[in-house]
């Protein structure tokens, strides 16, 4: 949404203010101005503040390692690599101090890495989903292994990052993967319930060739609009009502600004990757059926042998629970668990409750498997 569009959410209705005293009018107008400033400032909210260093780059992608806060003897030996979606910026893992998953995990003694895909430019339209796995993710994993000095890693994939993680694990049966955590993973499109993101990608609703012919890469603005239209009342009005209610809580305002910056700052989807996701993964449902091939090799969920924790958001409006959970019966992992969390697609990681719900559960599961 444009800045003008955001401001419209707070437009004062003169009719609703009839009967207000001048003092009340002045108070409402001052609060209106304050809310507008909060929204404006959110577009440049400070995010991603946990100390880190870049240890590897390829094209637009960067691999970060986060600086430990515990001495070596108090850390878990097996590193954790975070893999996020291709269409949003990964600072949802590191919003603000106190609401940063990465900060929390570093303090719990985990050796944390993050693969940031970067924003594709017009010259990157030909990068496919498979390329992100074979050319980027595999090299990032090797760099994590060399840097940490261990033989195996843990991987956490969130949203489309979980799809990429499944392709990686299903393509390479001997991958150095000890633990795999999937978070709201879009994998099974045998059904596309109304209200899930896949409904916009059905053949009768979207002409992929026409979109890519017009844009090359799918613009972030279009992706953001698709997501918001799934819950228009909540996304176009409700979010700004929450700002109004929280103006007197500085911590809540900072958290809202960080999340709003993430929501508004959507990056383009590389054209070839978008085409492959829509045609092969969603419409063809190749991944979950074990029919997808990369460079002549089958991506088989049965190749996944790592300890698996699959986390599904019960109220997810982007990835339906049915689209994320069915993989449990296809993997070869002996140690596997499905957890359904009463949360939303974004709230499961970024809400103020995540620190007291999901994050401790992840530590409880991952710590004994990272020794």
Protein backbone atom coordinates (compact mmCIF):
# COMPACT_ATOMS: atom_id res chain seq x y z
CA UNK A 1 0.00 0.00 0.00
CA UNK A 2 1.25 3.52 -0.78
CA UNK A 3 1.86 6.05 1.96
CA UNK A 4 -1.24 7.92 0.77
CA UNK A 5 -3.23 4.70 1.06
CA UNK A 6 -2.00 4.17 4.60
CA UNK A 7 -3.00 7.69 5.57
CA UNK A 8 -6.47 7.10 4.19
CA UNK A 9 -6.96 4.40 6.83
CA UNK A 10 -6.89 7.15 9.46
CA UNK A 11 -9.05 9.65 7.58
CA UNK A 12 -11.20 11.58 10.02
CA UNK A 13 -14.92 11.50 9.34
CA UNK A 14 -16.44 14.92 10.19
CA UNK A 15 -19.91 13.38 10.56
CA UNK A 16 -18.71 11.01 13.28
CA UNK A 17 -17.23 13.95 15.24
CA UNK A 18 -20.36 16.08 15.46
CA UNK A 19 -21.03 17.12 19.02
CA UNK A 20 -17.36 17.00 20.05
CA UNK A 21 -16.12 19.94 22.09
CA UNK A 22 -13.17 21.92 20.71
CA UNK A 23 -10.94 20.27 23.32
CA UNK A 24 -12.10 16.80 22.25
CA UNK A 25 -11.59 17.68 18.60
CA UNK A 26 -8.05 18.85 19.30
CA UNK A 27 -7.31 15.66 21.22
CA UNK A 28 -8.57 13.42 18.42
CA UNK A 29 -6.68 15.41 15.79
CA UNK A 30 -3.46 15.17 17.82
CA UNK A 31 -3.89 11.43 18.13
CA UNK A 32 -4.61 11.22 14.41
CA UNK A 33 -1.36 13.04 13.66
CA UNK A 34 0.53 10.75 16.03
CA UNK A 35 -0.89 7.64 14.35
CA UNK A 36 0.05 8.95 10.91
CA UNK A 37 3.61 9.54 12.11
CA UNK A 38 3.84 6.00 13.49
CA UNK A 39 2.80 4.60 10.10
CA UNK A 40 5.19 6.85 8.18
CA UNK A 41 8.09 5.96 10.48
CA UNK A 42 7.32 2.25 10.12
CA UNK A 43 8.61 2.30 6.54
CA UNK A 44 12.11 2.91 7.90
CA UNK A 45 11.77 1.13 11.25
CA UNK A 46 15.10 -0.24 12.55
CA UNK A 47 15.05 -4.03 12.07
CA UNK A 48 17.56 -6.88 11.88
CA UNK A 49 19.70 -5.52 14.71
CA UNK A 50 21.20 -8.74 16.09
CA UNK A 51 25.00 -8.56 15.46
CA UNK A 52 26.08 -10.58 12.42
CA UNK A 53 28.62 -10.83 9.65
CA UNK A 54 28.42 -11.78 5.98
CA UNK A 55 30.42 -14.96 5.37
CA UNK A 56 29.40 -15.80 1.78
CA UNK A 57 27.71 -14.15 -1.20
CA UNK A 58 26.43 -15.25 -4.60
CA UNK A 59 24.68 -12.84 -6.96
CA UNK A 60 22.15 -11.06 -4.69
CA UNK A 61 22.22 -13.72 -1.96
CA UNK A 62 24.09 -13.35 1.32
CA UNK A 63 24.80 -15.83 4.08
CA UNK A 64 24.98 -14.35 7.57
CA UNK A 65 26.46 -15.81 10.72
CA UNK A 66 25.31 -14.33 14.02
CA UNK A 67 27.78 -13.51 16.73
CA UNK A 68 27.49 -15.85 19.73
CA UNK A 69 26.66 -14.55 23.19
CA UNK A 70 27.66 -17.71 25.07
CA UNK A 71 31.13 -19.20 25.54
CA UNK A 72 32.01 -22.18 23.28
CA UNK A 73 31.41 -24.77 26.00
CA UNK A 74 27.84 -23.48 26.47
CA UNK A 75 26.84 -23.67 22.79
CA UNK A 76 25.12 -26.42 20.82
CA UNK A 77 27.59 -27.95 18.34
CA UNK A 78 25.13 -28.41 15.46
CA UNK A 79 24.49 -25.08 13.66
CA UNK A 80 21.03 -23.93 12.56
CA UNK A 81 20.53 -22.49 9.07
CA UNK A 82 17.41 -20.38 8.52
CA UNK A 83 15.92 -20.47 5.03
CA UNK A 84 13.18 -17.97 4.33
CA UNK A 85 10.79 -17.34 1.45
CA UNK A 86 11.82 -15.76 -1.83
CA UNK A 87 9.26 -12.94 -1.77
CA UNK A 88 9.70 -11.33 1.64
CA UNK A 89 12.71 -10.03 3.46
CA UNK A 90 14.01 -12.38 6.15
CA UNK A 91 14.15 -9.85 8.97
CA UNK A 92 10.90 -11.36 10.23
CA UNK A 93 13.34 -13.65 12.06
CA UNK A 94 14.99 -10.59 13.61
CA UNK A 95 12.38 -7.87 14.09
CA UNK A 96 13.40 -5.80 17.12
CA UNK A 97 15.24 -6.62 20.35
CA UNK A 98 12.91 -8.62 22.57
CA UNK A 99 10.92 -9.82 19.55
CA UNK A 100 13.75 -11.37 17.59
CA UNK A 101 13.78 -15.14 17.05
CA UNK A 102 17.45 -15.02 16.09
CA UNK A 103 18.38 -13.04 19.20
CA UNK A 104 16.47 -15.57 21.30
CA UNK A 105 18.16 -18.59 19.70
CA UNK A 106 21.64 -17.08 19.94
CA UNK A 107 21.04 -16.50 23.65
CA UNK A 108 20.00 -20.16 23.91
CA UNK A 109 23.43 -21.16 22.65
CA UNK A 110 22.68 -21.97 19.01
CA UNK A 111 25.14 -21.23 16.21
CA UNK A 112 22.82 -19.28 13.92
CA UNK A 113 23.05 -18.71 10.15
CA UNK A 114 20.60 -16.99 7.79
CA UNK A 115 20.41 -17.26 4.00
CA UNK A 116 19.11 -13.97 2.61
CA UNK A 117 18.12 -14.42 -1.05
CA UNK A 118 18.18 -10.70 -1.79
CA UNK A 119 15.90 -8.94 -4.28
CA UNK A 120 16.11 -10.21 -7.87
CA UNK A 121 16.66 -7.60 -10.56
CA UNK A 122 15.37 -7.70 -14.15
CA UNK A 123 18.49 -9.64 -15.11
CA UNK A 124 17.51 -12.44 -12.71
CA UNK A 125 14.18 -13.32 -14.36
CA UNK A 126 15.56 -16.70 -15.50
CA UNK A 127 16.41 -18.03 -12.02
CA UNK A 128 14.17 -21.02 -11.27
CA UNK A 129 13.11 -22.58 -7.99
CA UNK A 130 15.45 -25.47 -8.75
CA UNK A 131 18.33 -23.05 -9.28
CA UNK A 132 17.82 -21.61 -5.82
CA UNK A 133 18.33 -25.11 -4.42
CA UNK A 134 21.14 -26.44 -6.60
CA UNK A 135 23.15 -23.25 -7.09
CA UNK A 136 22.49 -21.31 -3.88
CA UNK A 137 21.24 -23.46 -1.01
CA UNK A 138 23.70 -26.30 -1.53
CA UNK A 139 26.65 -23.88 -1.56
CA UNK A 140 25.36 -22.08 1.50
CA UNK A 141 25.14 -25.40 3.36
CA UNK A 142 28.75 -26.20 2.43
CA UNK A 143 29.85 -22.81 3.72
CA UNK A 144 28.03 -23.36 7.02
CA UNK A 145 29.78 -26.72 7.40
CA UNK A 146 33.22 -25.25 6.70
CA UNK A 147 32.65 -22.29 8.99
CA UNK A 148 31.27 -24.28 11.91
CA UNK A 149 33.68 -27.19 11.51
CA UNK A 150 30.99 -29.87 11.86
CA UNK A 151 29.67 -32.60 9.57
CA UNK A 152 25.93 -31.93 9.86
CA UNK A 153 23.55 -29.01 10.23
CA UNK A 154 19.98 -28.28 11.22
CA UNK A 155 17.76 -26.38 8.79
CA UNK A 156 14.60 -24.37 9.46
CA UNK A 157 12.53 -23.42 6.43
CA UNK A 158 9.67 -20.95 6.75
CA UNK A 159 6.89 -20.63 4.13
CA UNK A 160 8.47 -20.96 0.65
CA UNK A 161 11.77 -21.44 2.46
CA UNK A 162 10.29 -24.68 3.79
CA UNK A 163 9.44 -25.69 0.22
CA UNK A 164 13.06 -25.08 -0.76
CA UNK A 165 14.25 -27.06 2.26
CA UNK A 166 12.06 -30.03 1.26
CA UNK A 167 13.36 -29.92 -2.31
CA UNK A 168 16.94 -29.88 -0.98
CA UNK A 169 16.36 -32.79 1.40
CA UNK A 170 14.33 -34.74 -1.15
CA UNK A 171 16.90 -34.24 -3.91
CA UNK A 172 19.98 -35.15 -1.88
CA UNK A 173 19.42 -38.31 0.19
CA UNK A 174 22.97 -38.01 1.58
CA UNK A 175 22.63 -34.34 2.52
CA UNK A 176 24.46 -33.40 5.74
CA UNK A 177 21.13 -32.70 7.41
CA UNK A 178 20.60 -33.89 10.96
CA UNK A 179 17.41 -31.95 11.78
CA UNK A 180 14.77 -30.38 9.55
CA UNK A 181 12.15 -27.95 10.83
CA UNK A 182 9.33 -26.92 8.51
CA UNK A 183 7.24 -23.90 9.38
CA UNK A 184 3.96 -23.30 7.45
CA UNK A 185 5.28 -25.23 4.43
CA UNK A 186 3.29 -24.95 1.16
CA UNK A 187 3.75 -28.46 -0.25
CA UNK A 188 0.51 -30.27 -1.08
CA UNK A 189 -1.87 -28.56 -3.50
CA UNK A 190 -4.29 -31.41 -4.08
CA UNK A 191 -6.76 -28.99 -2.51
CA UNK A 192 -6.67 -25.19 -2.64
CA UNK A 193 -9.22 -24.00 -0.10
CA UNK A 194 -10.65 -20.53 -0.57
CA UNK A 195 -8.66 -18.23 1.63
CA UNK A 196 -5.29 -19.81 0.87
CA UNK A 197 -2.75 -18.12 -1.36
CA UNK A 198 -2.98 -20.95 -3.91
CA UNK A 199 -6.50 -19.87 -4.87
CA UNK A 200 -5.03 -16.88 -6.75
CA UNK A 201 -2.77 -19.23 -8.73
CA UNK A 202 -5.44 -21.49 -10.20
CA UNK A 203 -5.48 -21.66 -14.00
CA UNK A 204 -8.82 -19.93 -14.42
CA UNK A 205 -7.72 -17.06 -12.17
CA UNK A 206 -4.17 -16.38 -13.35
CA UNK A 207 -2.53 -16.25 -16.78
CA UNK A 208 1.10 -16.85 -15.83
CA UNK A 209 2.48 -16.12 -19.29
CA UNK A 210 0.65 -12.81 -19.49
CA UNK A 211 1.94 -11.68 -16.09
CA UNK A 212 5.53 -12.62 -16.87
CA UNK A 213 5.33 -11.13 -20.35
CA UNK A 214 4.27 -7.84 -18.82
CA UNK A 215 6.67 -7.73 -15.89
CA UNK A 216 9.49 -10.27 -16.26
CA UNK A 217 9.66 -10.71 -12.50
CA UNK A 218 6.40 -10.61 -10.54
CA UNK A 219 6.34 -7.21 -8.77
CA UNK A 220 6.34 -7.22 -4.99
CA UNK A 221 3.39 -4.83 -5.00
CA UNK A 222 1.26 -7.42 -6.80
CA UNK A 223 2.24 -10.19 -4.41
CA UNK A 224 1.46 -7.97 -1.44
CA UNK A 225 -1.97 -7.15 -2.87
CA UNK A 226 -2.78 -10.83 -3.44
CA UNK A 227 -1.92 -11.60 0.18
CA UNK A 228 -3.91 -8.70 1.60
CA UNK A 229 -7.01 -9.41 -0.46
CA UNK A 230 -7.35 -12.80 1.23
CA UNK A 231 -8.35 -10.93 4.41
CA UNK A 232 -9.18 -7.40 3.29
CA UNK A 233 -10.92 -6.20 6.44
CA UNK A 234 -8.07 -7.33 8.65
CA UNK A 235 -5.23 -6.22 6.37
CA UNK A 236 -6.58 -2.89 5.14
CA UNK A 237 -8.36 -1.70 8.27
CA UNK A 238 -7.66 -3.92 11.25
CA UNK A 239 -3.91 -3.41 11.25
CA UNK A 240 -4.31 0.35 11.50
CA UNK A 241 -6.95 0.07 14.19
CA UNK A 242 -4.33 -1.78 16.22
CA UNK A 243 -1.95 1.16 15.82
CA UNK A 244 -4.58 3.54 17.11
CA UNK A 245 -5.19 1.36 20.15
CA UNK A 246 -1.49 0.92 20.92
CA UNK A 247 -0.25 4.49 20.66
CA UNK A 248 0.38 4.73 24.39
CA UNK A 249 2.47 1.52 24.49
CA UNK A 250 5.93 2.33 23.12
CA UNK A 251 7.02 -1.30 22.96
CA UNK A 252 3.86 -2.35 21.11
CA UNK A 253 4.31 0.52 18.64
CA UNK A 254 7.91 -0.54 17.89
CA UNK A 255 6.76 -4.12 17.31
CA UNK A 256 3.94 -3.01 15.02
CA UNK A 257 6.26 -0.77 13.03
CA UNK A 258 8.72 -3.61 12.47
CA UNK A 259 6.01 -6.01 11.30
CA UNK A 260 4.38 -3.35 9.11
CA UNK A 261 7.71 -2.64 7.44
CA UNK A 262 8.02 -6.36 6.71
CA UNK A 263 4.45 -6.55 5.35
CA UNK A 264 4.90 -3.55 3.06
CA UNK A 265 8.46 -4.31 1.90
CA UNK A 266 7.77 -7.23 -0.46
CA UNK A 267 10.41 -8.04 -3.06
CA UNK A 268 9.88 -9.31 -6.63
CA UNK A 269 9.48 -13.00 -7.40
CA UNK A 270 11.97 -14.11 -10.09
CA UNK A 271 9.98 -14.91 -13.22
CA UNK A 272 11.20 -18.47 -13.87
CA UNK A 273 10.86 -19.37 -10.18
CA UNK A 274 7.30 -18.04 -10.13
CA UNK A 275 6.38 -19.97 -13.28
CA UNK A 276 7.81 -23.18 -11.86
CA UNK A 277 6.09 -22.74 -8.52
CA UNK A 278 2.70 -22.12 -10.14
CA UNK A 279 2.81 -24.62 -13.01
CA UNK A 280 4.78 -27.52 -11.52
CA UNK A 281 4.36 -27.22 -7.76
CA UNK A 282 0.83 -25.81 -7.38
CA UNK A 283 -1.09 -26.87 -10.49
CA UNK A 284 0.89 -30.05 -11.12
CA UNK A 285 1.35 -30.86 -7.41
CA UNK A 286 4.61 -32.56 -8.39
CA UNK A 287 6.48 -32.20 -5.11
CA UNK A 288 4.15 -34.09 -2.83
CA UNK A 289 3.59 -36.76 -5.49
CA UNK A 290 7.33 -37.37 -5.91
CA UNK A 291 7.10 -36.49 -9.61
CA UNK A 292 9.41 -33.49 -9.66
CA UNK A 293 12.86 -33.86 -11.20
CA UNK A 294 15.87 -31.60 -11.00
CA UNK A 295 18.69 -32.16 -13.47
CA UNK A 296 17.35 -35.65 -14.14
CA UNK A 297 17.13 -36.57 -10.45
CA UNK A 298 13.88 -37.20 -8.62
CA UNK A 299 12.89 -35.06 -5.68
CA UNK A 300 11.51 -37.80 -3.47
CA UNK A 301 10.09 -37.02 0.01
CA UNK A 302 11.12 -40.55 0.97
CA UNK A 303 14.74 -39.36 0.75
CA UNK A 304 14.13 -37.20 3.82
CA UNK A 305 15.64 -39.06 6.78
CA UNK A 306 16.55 -36.19 9.10
CA UNK A 307 14.71 -35.73 12.36
CA UNK A 308 11.63 -33.77 11.27
CA UNK A 309 9.50 -31.23 13.11
CA UNK A 310 6.63 -29.95 10.97
CA UNK A 311 4.85 -26.94 12.43
CA UNK A 312 1.50 -25.89 11.01
CA UNK A 313 -0.40 -22.69 11.82
CA UNK A 314 -4.04 -23.57 12.55
CA UNK A 315 -5.39 -20.19 11.36
CA UNK A 316 -3.04 -19.74 8.41
CA UNK A 317 -4.76 -17.75 5.63
CA UNK A 318 -1.87 -18.19 3.18
CA UNK A 319 -0.97 -21.87 3.54
CA UNK A 320 -3.85 -24.13 4.54
CA UNK A 321 -3.00 -26.75 7.21
CA UNK A 322 -3.84 -29.51 4.72
CA UNK A 323 -1.20 -28.14 2.34
CA UNK A 324 1.51 -28.34 5.00
CA UNK A 325 0.80 -31.52 6.94
CA UNK A 326 0.46 -34.40 4.47
CA UNK A 327 4.20 -34.76 3.95
CA UNK A 328 4.42 -36.53 7.31
CA UNK A 329 3.32 -39.82 5.78
CA UNK A 330 5.84 -39.63 2.92
CA UNK A 331 9.19 -39.07 4.63
CA UNK A 332 11.53 -41.82 5.86
CA UNK A 333 12.38 -40.03 9.11
CA UNK A 334 11.99 -42.29 12.12
CA UNK A 335 12.04 -39.25 14.40
CA UNK A 336 9.21 -37.05 13.14
CA UNK A 337 6.52 -34.91 14.73
CA UNK A 338 3.64 -32.73 13.52
CA UNK A 339 2.55 -29.83 15.70
CA UNK A 340 -0.44 -27.62 14.98
CA UNK A 341 -0.09 -24.23 16.65
CA UNK A 342 -3.18 -22.03 17.20
CA UNK A 343 -1.73 -19.07 15.33
CA UNK A 344 -1.57 -17.37 11.93
CA UNK A 345 1.00 -17.53 9.14
CA UNK A 346 2.89 -14.47 10.36
CA UNK A 347 1.91 -14.54 14.01
CA UNK A 348 3.38 -18.00 14.53
CA UNK A 349 6.84 -16.44 14.30
CA UNK A 350 6.39 -12.71 14.78
CA UNK A 351 3.59 -12.16 17.30
CA UNK A 352 4.38 -11.02 20.83
CA UNK A 353 3.23 -14.46 22.01
CA UNK A 354 5.71 -16.38 19.84
CA UNK A 355 8.50 -15.79 22.35
CA UNK A 356 6.51 -17.65 24.99
CA UNK A 357 4.94 -20.30 22.75
CA UNK A 358 6.74 -21.39 19.58
CA UNK A 359 10.30 -20.38 20.35
CA UNK A 360 10.63 -22.34 23.62
CA UNK A 361 9.04 -25.36 21.93
CA UNK A 362 11.63 -25.17 19.15
CA UNK A 363 14.44 -25.03 21.69
CA UNK A 364 12.98 -27.95 23.62
CA UNK A 365 12.84 -30.06 20.45
CA UNK A 366 16.10 -28.93 18.82
CA UNK A 367 18.52 -28.70 21.75
CA UNK A 368 18.81 -32.44 22.52
CA UNK A 369 19.11 -33.13 18.78
CA UNK A 370 21.95 -30.63 18.38
CA UNK A 371 24.42 -32.26 20.75
